[in-house]
Amino acid sequence: MIKRLAATVPTLVLSYAMLGSVVFTGISLSSKLMGRWRVVKVFGSDVPTVFPPMTIELDKSGKLVGRSRCGTFTGRWSTGNNEVRFQGLVPSSCTCGDLRVAEQKFLEAIGSARQTKIGKDGLMLMSGGKPVALLVPQRT
């Protein structure tokens, strides 16, 4: 009993010290990004201003599923240290000319993204402080 108490008391003290110093910093970046997003614009590409209909869905397990008129593309996403990373992006088997180019440009853009900026216009994915893609929430 004494051994058990000797092991439990320091654990409780340490837990209290750690929990007592926790500072609420708001909603995590990953929670802000989860859900379905409609792609509005890809910056720095020759893709038309009106982007072809395309959405991406980011789930809590880190899976990305994107859909366009041409097919489905996939990948993984993660966050950490206020950064976002999109990895393992696999394009659809699209052979539809302009739609294929638009999908490729979008995948290149999000593959380079590291920062996000969420504002009234939507979710801006950024790389090196420059915007690469603009997404808006899609109602499910």
N, C-alpha and C. Protein backbone atom coordinates (compact mmCIF):
# COMPACT_ATOMS: atom_id res chain seq x y z
N MET A 1 0.81 -1.19 0.00
CA MET A 1 0.00 0.00 0.00
C MET A 1 0.87 1.27 0.00
N ILE A 2 1.91 1.28 0.80
CA ILE A 2 2.79 2.44 0.89
C ILE A 2 3.53 2.63 -0.44
N LYS A 3 3.98 1.54 -1.06
CA LYS A 3 4.66 1.64 -2.36
C LYS A 3 3.72 2.23 -3.41
N ARG A 4 2.48 1.78 -3.36
CA ARG A 4 1.49 2.26 -4.32
C ARG A 4 1.22 3.76 -4.12
N LEU A 5 1.10 4.16 -2.85
CA LEU A 5 0.88 5.56 -2.52
C LEU A 5 2.08 6.40 -2.92
N ALA A 6 3.28 5.86 -2.71
CA ALA A 6 4.51 6.58 -3.06
C ALA A 6 4.60 6.80 -4.57
N ALA A 7 4.07 5.89 -5.33
CA ALA A 7 4.09 6.05 -6.79
C ALA A 7 2.95 6.95 -7.28
N THR A 8 1.83 6.93 -6.58
CA THR A 8 0.66 7.69 -7.00
C THR A 8 0.78 9.18 -6.70
N VAL A 9 1.28 9.54 -5.53
CA VAL A 9 1.37 10.95 -5.12
C VAL A 9 2.22 11.78 -6.09
N PRO A 10 3.44 11.34 -6.44
CA PRO A 10 4.21 12.15 -7.41
C PRO A 10 3.50 12.28 -8.77
N THR A 11 2.81 11.25 -9.19
CA THR A 11 2.07 11.30 -10.44
C THR A 11 0.96 12.33 -10.36
N LEU A 12 0.24 12.36 -9.26
CA LEU A 12 -0.82 13.34 -9.07
C LEU A 12 -0.27 14.77 -9.03
N VAL A 13 0.85 14.96 -8.33
CA VAL A 13 1.47 16.28 -8.24
C VAL A 13 1.92 16.74 -9.62
N LEU A 14 2.55 15.85 -10.37
CA LEU A 14 3.02 16.18 -11.71
C LEU A 14 1.83 16.50 -12.63
N SER A 15 0.78 15.70 -12.53
CA SER A 15 -0.42 15.93 -13.35
C SER A 15 -1.04 17.28 -13.03
N TYR A 16 -1.13 17.60 -11.75
CA TYR A 16 -1.69 18.89 -11.35
C TYR A 16 -0.84 20.05 -11.87
N ALA A 17 0.47 19.89 -11.77
CA ALA A 17 1.37 20.95 -12.24
C ALA A 17 1.22 21.16 -13.74
N MET A 18 1.11 20.06 -14.48
CA MET A 18 0.98 20.16 -15.93
C MET A 18 -0.39 20.72 -16.32
N LEU A 19 -1.44 20.21 -15.70
CA LEU A 19 -2.78 20.68 -16.04
C LEU A 19 -3.00 22.11 -15.57
N GLY A 20 -2.40 22.48 -14.48
CA GLY A 20 -2.54 23.84 -13.97
C GLY A 20 -1.88 24.86 -14.86
N SER A 21 -0.93 24.44 -15.69
CA SER A 21 -0.23 25.39 -16.54
C SER A 21 -0.71 25.37 -17.98
N VAL A 22 -1.77 24.62 -18.27
CA VAL A 22 -2.29 24.55 -19.63
C VAL A 22 -2.97 25.87 -19.97
N VAL A 23 -2.63 26.41 -21.14
CA VAL A 23 -3.23 27.65 -21.61
C VAL A 23 -4.08 27.32 -22.82
N PHE A 24 -5.33 27.76 -22.80
CA PHE A 24 -6.22 27.53 -23.93
C PHE A 24 -5.82 28.46 -25.07
N THR A 25 -5.48 27.89 -26.20
CA THR A 25 -5.04 28.70 -27.34
C THR A 25 -6.07 28.73 -28.46
N GLY A 26 -7.24 28.20 -28.23
CA GLY A 26 -8.28 28.23 -29.26
C GLY A 26 -8.39 26.91 -29.99
N ILE A 27 -9.08 26.93 -31.08
CA ILE A 27 -9.33 25.74 -31.88
C ILE A 27 -8.07 25.39 -32.66
N SER A 28 -7.73 24.12 -32.69
CA SER A 28 -6.52 23.69 -33.40
C SER A 28 -6.68 23.88 -34.90
N LEU A 29 -5.55 24.02 -35.58
CA LEU A 29 -5.55 24.21 -37.02
C LEU A 29 -6.23 23.04 -37.72
N SER A 30 -5.96 21.80 -37.27
CA SER A 30 -6.56 20.65 -37.94
C SER A 30 -8.08 20.67 -37.82
N SER A 31 -8.61 21.13 -36.68
CA SER A 31 -10.07 21.22 -36.52
C SER A 31 -10.66 22.25 -37.46
N LYS A 32 -9.94 23.33 -37.71
CA LYS A 32 -10.41 24.37 -38.61
C LYS A 32 -10.45 23.90 -40.06
N LEU A 33 -9.57 22.97 -40.40
CA LEU A 33 -9.45 22.55 -41.80
C LEU A 33 -10.33 21.37 -42.16
N MET A 34 -10.76 20.59 -41.16
CA MET A 34 -11.57 19.41 -41.47
C MET A 34 -12.89 19.81 -42.11
N GLY A 35 -13.29 19.01 -43.09
CA GLY A 35 -14.56 19.25 -43.77
C GLY A 35 -14.38 19.29 -45.27
N ARG A 36 -15.42 19.75 -45.94
CA ARG A 36 -15.41 19.81 -47.41
C ARG A 36 -15.20 21.25 -47.85
N TRP A 37 -14.30 21.42 -48.82
CA TRP A 37 -13.95 22.74 -49.35
C TRP A 37 -14.10 22.75 -50.86
N ARG A 38 -14.58 23.87 -51.39
CA ARG A 38 -14.66 24.05 -52.84
C ARG A 38 -13.48 24.91 -53.28
N VAL A 39 -12.80 24.46 -54.31
CA VAL A 39 -11.65 25.19 -54.84
C VAL A 39 -12.16 26.37 -55.66
N VAL A 40 -11.71 27.57 -55.31
CA VAL A 40 -12.16 28.78 -56.00
C VAL A 40 -11.10 29.27 -56.97
N LYS A 41 -9.83 29.24 -56.53
CA LYS A 41 -8.78 29.80 -57.37
C LYS A 41 -7.44 29.15 -57.05
N VAL A 42 -6.62 28.99 -58.09
CA VAL A 42 -5.24 28.56 -57.94
C VAL A 42 -4.40 29.73 -58.42
N PHE A 43 -3.55 30.25 -57.55
CA PHE A 43 -2.75 31.43 -57.88
C PHE A 43 -1.48 31.03 -58.63
N GLY A 44 -0.96 31.95 -59.42
CA GLY A 44 0.30 31.73 -60.12
C GLY A 44 0.25 30.68 -61.21
N SER A 45 -0.94 30.43 -61.74
CA SER A 45 -1.04 29.48 -62.85
C SER A 45 -1.90 30.12 -63.94
N ASP A 46 -1.87 29.52 -65.08
CA ASP A 46 -2.66 30.05 -66.19
C ASP A 46 -4.06 29.44 -66.23
N VAL A 47 -4.47 28.84 -65.12
CA VAL A 47 -5.81 28.28 -65.04
C VAL A 47 -6.80 29.45 -65.04
N PRO A 48 -7.92 29.33 -65.73
CA PRO A 48 -8.88 30.43 -65.81
C PRO A 48 -9.30 30.94 -64.42
N THR A 49 -9.71 32.22 -64.39
CA THR A 49 -10.14 32.83 -63.13
C THR A 49 -11.28 32.04 -62.50
N VAL A 50 -12.25 31.62 -63.31
CA VAL A 50 -13.33 30.78 -62.80
C VAL A 50 -12.84 29.34 -62.84
N PHE A 51 -12.55 28.81 -61.67
CA PHE A 51 -11.96 27.48 -61.58
C PHE A 51 -13.03 26.42 -61.85
N PRO A 52 -12.70 25.36 -62.60
CA PRO A 52 -13.67 24.30 -62.84
C PRO A 52 -14.13 23.69 -61.51
N PRO A 53 -15.38 23.24 -61.41
CA PRO A 53 -15.89 22.69 -60.16
C PRO A 53 -14.98 21.58 -59.61
N MET A 54 -14.48 21.82 -58.40
CA MET A 54 -13.60 20.85 -57.75
C MET A 54 -13.73 21.04 -56.25
N THR A 55 -13.80 19.94 -55.51
CA THR A 55 -13.86 20.00 -54.06
C THR A 55 -12.82 19.08 -53.46
N ILE A 56 -12.45 19.38 -52.21
CA ILE A 56 -11.63 18.45 -51.45
C ILE A 56 -12.28 18.26 -50.09
N GLU A 57 -12.13 17.08 -49.56
CA GLU A 57 -12.63 16.78 -48.22
C GLU A 57 -11.47 16.31 -47.37
N LEU A 58 -11.32 16.93 -46.21
CA LEU A 58 -10.24 16.61 -45.28
C LEU A 58 -10.88 15.97 -44.05
N ASP A 59 -10.54 14.71 -43.78
CA ASP A 59 -11.14 14.07 -42.62
C ASP A 59 -10.17 14.01 -41.45
N LYS A 60 -10.69 13.59 -40.29
CA LYS A 60 -9.89 13.63 -39.07
C LYS A 60 -8.77 12.60 -39.05
N SER A 61 -8.83 11.61 -39.91
CA SER A 61 -7.77 10.60 -39.95
C SER A 61 -6.59 11.03 -40.82
N GLY A 62 -6.70 12.22 -41.45
CA GLY A 62 -5.62 12.72 -42.30
C GLY A 62 -5.76 12.36 -43.76
N LYS A 63 -6.93 11.88 -44.14
CA LYS A 63 -7.17 11.49 -45.53
C LYS A 63 -7.76 12.66 -46.31
N LEU A 64 -7.29 12.86 -47.53
CA LEU A 64 -7.81 13.89 -48.43
C LEU A 64 -8.45 13.17 -49.62
N VAL A 65 -9.68 13.54 -49.94
CA VAL A 65 -10.35 13.03 -51.13
C VAL A 65 -10.84 14.23 -51.91
N GLY A 66 -10.43 14.33 -53.17
CA GLY A 66 -10.85 15.43 -54.02
C GLY A 66 -11.68 14.92 -55.17
N ARG A 67 -12.61 15.75 -55.59
CA ARG A 67 -13.49 15.37 -56.70
C ARG A 67 -13.60 16.52 -57.70
N SER A 68 -13.58 16.13 -58.97
CA SER A 68 -13.84 17.09 -60.04
C SER A 68 -14.77 16.41 -61.02
N ARG A 69 -15.15 17.12 -62.06
CA ARG A 69 -16.00 16.51 -63.09
C ARG A 69 -15.31 15.31 -63.74
N CYS A 70 -14.01 15.30 -63.63
CA CYS A 70 -13.23 14.30 -64.35
C CYS A 70 -12.91 13.05 -63.54
N GLY A 71 -12.96 13.14 -62.21
CA GLY A 71 -12.61 11.97 -61.41
C GLY A 71 -12.30 12.33 -59.97
N THR A 72 -11.68 11.37 -59.29
CA THR A 72 -11.37 11.51 -57.87
C THR A 72 -9.86 11.42 -57.68
N PHE A 73 -9.31 12.34 -56.89
CA PHE A 73 -7.90 12.29 -56.54
C PHE A 73 -7.79 12.16 -55.02
N THR A 74 -6.67 11.67 -54.54
CA THR A 74 -6.52 11.39 -53.12
C THR A 74 -5.17 11.88 -52.60
N GLY A 75 -5.02 11.81 -51.31
CA GLY A 75 -3.77 12.18 -50.67
C GLY A 75 -3.91 12.15 -49.16
N ARG A 76 -2.92 12.70 -48.49
CA ARG A 76 -2.90 12.78 -47.02
C ARG A 76 -2.65 14.23 -46.64
N TRP A 77 -3.11 14.61 -45.47
CA TRP A 77 -2.85 15.95 -44.96
C TRP A 77 -2.55 15.86 -43.48
N SER A 78 -1.77 16.81 -43.00
CA SER A 78 -1.43 16.85 -41.58
C SER A 78 -1.12 18.28 -41.19
N THR A 79 -1.18 18.52 -39.89
CA THR A 79 -0.83 19.83 -39.37
C THR A 79 0.13 19.65 -38.21
N GLY A 80 0.88 20.68 -37.92
CA GLY A 80 1.79 20.69 -36.79
C GLY A 80 2.54 22.00 -36.78
N ASN A 81 2.76 22.55 -35.60
CA ASN A 81 3.46 23.84 -35.46
C ASN A 81 2.84 24.91 -36.35
N ASN A 82 1.51 24.95 -36.38
CA ASN A 82 0.77 25.91 -37.20
C ASN A 82 1.11 25.83 -38.68
N GLU A 83 1.48 24.65 -39.13
CA GLU A 83 1.74 24.40 -40.54
C GLU A 83 0.77 23.35 -41.05
N VAL A 84 0.57 23.34 -42.33
CA VAL A 84 -0.23 22.31 -42.98
C VAL A 84 0.64 21.67 -44.05
N ARG A 85 0.47 20.38 -44.24
CA ARG A 85 1.20 19.67 -45.29
C ARG A 85 0.25 18.72 -46.01
N PHE A 86 0.35 18.75 -47.33
CA PHE A 86 -0.40 17.83 -48.17
C PHE A 86 0.62 16.93 -48.83
N GLN A 87 0.46 15.62 -48.65
CA GLN A 87 1.45 14.67 -49.15
C GLN A 87 0.79 13.50 -49.85
N GLY A 88 1.57 12.76 -50.60
CA GLY A 88 1.09 11.55 -51.26
C GLY A 88 -0.09 11.81 -52.18
N LEU A 89 -0.06 12.93 -52.86
CA LEU A 89 -1.18 13.31 -53.73
C LEU A 89 -1.19 12.46 -54.99
N VAL A 90 -2.29 11.80 -55.23
CA VAL A 90 -2.44 10.92 -56.38
C VAL A 90 -3.54 11.49 -57.27
N PRO A 91 -3.18 11.94 -58.48
CA PRO A 91 -4.19 12.53 -59.37
C PRO A 91 -5.20 11.49 -59.84
N SER A 92 -6.34 11.98 -60.31
CA SER A 92 -7.33 11.08 -60.90
C SER A 92 -6.78 10.59 -62.24
N SER A 93 -7.49 9.70 -62.85
CA SER A 93 -7.06 9.21 -64.17
C SER A 93 -7.65 10.07 -65.28
N CYS A 94 -7.85 11.34 -64.98
CA CYS A 94 -8.47 12.30 -65.89
C CYS A 94 -7.65 12.46 -67.17
N THR A 95 -8.33 12.43 -68.29
CA THR A 95 -7.69 12.68 -69.59
C THR A 95 -8.43 13.79 -70.33
N CYS A 96 -9.12 14.65 -69.57
CA CYS A 96 -10.01 15.66 -70.16
C CYS A 96 -9.34 17.00 -70.41
N GLY A 97 -8.16 17.06 -70.96
CA GLY A 97 -7.51 18.30 -71.37
C GLY A 97 -7.43 19.37 -70.30
N ASP A 98 -8.29 20.41 -70.40
CA ASP A 98 -8.26 21.53 -69.48
C ASP A 98 -8.54 21.12 -68.04
N LEU A 99 -9.45 20.18 -67.85
CA LEU A 99 -9.75 19.72 -66.49
C LEU A 99 -8.54 19.02 -65.88
N ARG A 100 -7.85 18.26 -66.69
CA ARG A 100 -6.64 17.57 -66.21
C ARG A 100 -5.57 18.59 -65.80
N VAL A 101 -5.38 19.62 -66.61
CA VAL A 101 -4.40 20.67 -66.31
C VAL A 101 -4.78 21.38 -65.02
N ALA A 102 -6.08 21.71 -64.87
CA ALA A 102 -6.54 22.39 -63.66
C ALA A 102 -6.28 21.54 -62.42
N GLU A 103 -6.57 20.26 -62.51
CA GLU A 103 -6.32 19.35 -61.38
C GLU A 103 -4.83 19.28 -61.06
N GLN A 104 -3.99 19.15 -62.08
CA GLN A 104 -2.54 19.10 -61.86
C GLN A 104 -2.03 20.36 -61.20
N LYS A 105 -2.48 21.53 -61.66
CA LYS A 105 -2.05 22.81 -61.08
C LYS A 105 -2.48 22.91 -59.63
N PHE A 106 -3.69 22.46 -59.34
CA PHE A 106 -4.17 22.50 -57.96
C PHE A 106 -3.35 21.58 -57.06
N LEU A 107 -3.06 20.37 -57.53
CA LEU A 107 -2.26 19.44 -56.73
C LEU A 107 -0.85 19.97 -56.50
N GLU A 108 -0.27 20.59 -57.51
CA GLU A 108 1.05 21.22 -57.35
C GLU A 108 0.99 22.33 -56.30
N ALA A 109 -0.07 23.13 -56.37
CA ALA A 109 -0.22 24.26 -55.45
C ALA A 109 -0.34 23.78 -54.01
N ILE A 110 -1.24 22.83 -53.75
CA ILE A 110 -1.41 22.40 -52.36
C ILE A 110 -0.21 21.59 -51.88
N GLY A 111 0.49 20.93 -52.81
CA GLY A 111 1.70 20.20 -52.43
C GLY A 111 2.79 21.12 -51.92
N SER A 112 2.76 22.39 -52.36
CA SER A 112 3.76 23.35 -51.90
C SER A 112 3.30 24.14 -50.67
N ALA A 113 2.02 24.06 -50.33
CA ALA A 113 1.45 24.85 -49.23
C ALA A 113 2.01 24.42 -47.89
N ARG A 114 2.27 25.42 -47.03
CA ARG A 114 2.72 25.16 -45.67
C ARG A 114 1.92 25.98 -44.66
N GLN A 115 1.44 27.15 -45.09
CA GLN A 115 0.71 28.01 -44.18
C GLN A 115 -0.75 28.12 -44.64
N THR A 116 -1.59 28.57 -43.70
CA THR A 116 -2.98 28.84 -44.00
C THR A 116 -3.36 30.21 -43.45
N LYS A 117 -4.36 30.78 -44.06
CA LYS A 117 -4.92 32.03 -43.56
C LYS A 117 -6.43 31.90 -43.76
N ILE A 118 -7.15 31.90 -42.66
CA ILE A 118 -8.59 31.76 -42.73
C ILE A 118 -9.21 33.14 -42.50
N GLY A 119 -10.00 33.57 -43.46
CA GLY A 119 -10.62 34.89 -43.37
C GLY A 119 -12.01 34.88 -43.96
N LYS A 120 -12.53 36.08 -44.18
CA LYS A 120 -13.90 36.20 -44.71
C LYS A 120 -14.02 35.66 -46.13
N ASP A 121 -12.91 35.65 -46.88
CA ASP A 121 -12.94 35.13 -48.25
C ASP A 121 -12.86 33.61 -48.31
N GLY A 122 -12.44 32.97 -47.22
CA GLY A 122 -12.32 31.53 -47.18
C GLY A 122 -10.98 31.11 -46.62
N LEU A 123 -10.51 29.97 -47.06
CA LEU A 123 -9.24 29.41 -46.61
C LEU A 123 -8.19 29.64 -47.69
N MET A 124 -7.18 30.41 -47.34
CA MET A 124 -6.09 30.68 -48.26
C MET A 124 -4.94 29.74 -47.90
N LEU A 125 -4.52 28.89 -48.84
CA LEU A 125 -3.35 28.05 -48.65
C LEU A 125 -2.17 28.83 -49.19
N MET A 126 -1.07 28.85 -48.41
CA MET A 126 0.06 29.70 -48.76
C MET A 126 1.37 28.93 -48.71
N SER A 127 2.33 29.42 -49.47
CA SER A 127 3.68 28.87 -49.49
C SER A 127 4.65 30.04 -49.50
N GLY A 128 5.51 30.08 -48.51
CA GLY A 128 6.47 31.18 -48.42
C GLY A 128 5.82 32.54 -48.31
N GLY A 129 4.66 32.60 -47.66
CA GLY A 129 3.95 33.86 -47.49
C GLY A 129 3.12 34.29 -48.69
N LYS A 130 3.14 33.52 -49.77
CA LYS A 130 2.38 33.86 -50.97
C LYS A 130 1.21 32.89 -51.13
N PRO A 131 0.04 33.40 -51.56
CA PRO A 131 -1.12 32.52 -51.74
C PRO A 131 -0.91 31.54 -52.90
N VAL A 132 -1.34 30.30 -52.69
CA VAL A 132 -1.27 29.31 -53.77
C VAL A 132 -2.65 28.82 -54.19
N ALA A 133 -3.61 28.83 -53.25
CA ALA A 133 -4.98 28.39 -53.58
C ALA A 133 -5.96 28.99 -52.60
N LEU A 134 -7.16 29.26 -53.09
CA LEU A 134 -8.24 29.77 -52.26
C LEU A 134 -9.38 28.76 -52.27
N LEU A 135 -9.84 28.40 -51.08
CA LEU A 135 -10.93 27.44 -50.91
C LEU A 135 -12.03 28.07 -50.07
N VAL A 136 -13.26 27.69 -50.31
CA VAL A 136 -14.38 28.16 -49.48
C VAL A 136 -15.10 26.93 -48.93
N PRO A 137 -15.69 27.08 -47.74
CA PRO A 137 -16.41 25.93 -47.15
C PRO A 137 -17.55 25.48 -48.05
N GLN A 138 -17.73 24.19 -48.13
CA GLN A 138 -18.81 23.60 -48.92
C GLN A 138 -19.80 23.00 -47.94
N ARG A 139 -21.03 23.33 -48.06
CA ARG A 139 -22.03 22.75 -47.18
C ARG A 139 -22.22 21.29 -47.52
N THR A 140 -22.34 20.49 -46.47
CA THR A 140 -22.51 19.04 -46.69
C THR A 140 -23.92 18.61 -46.51
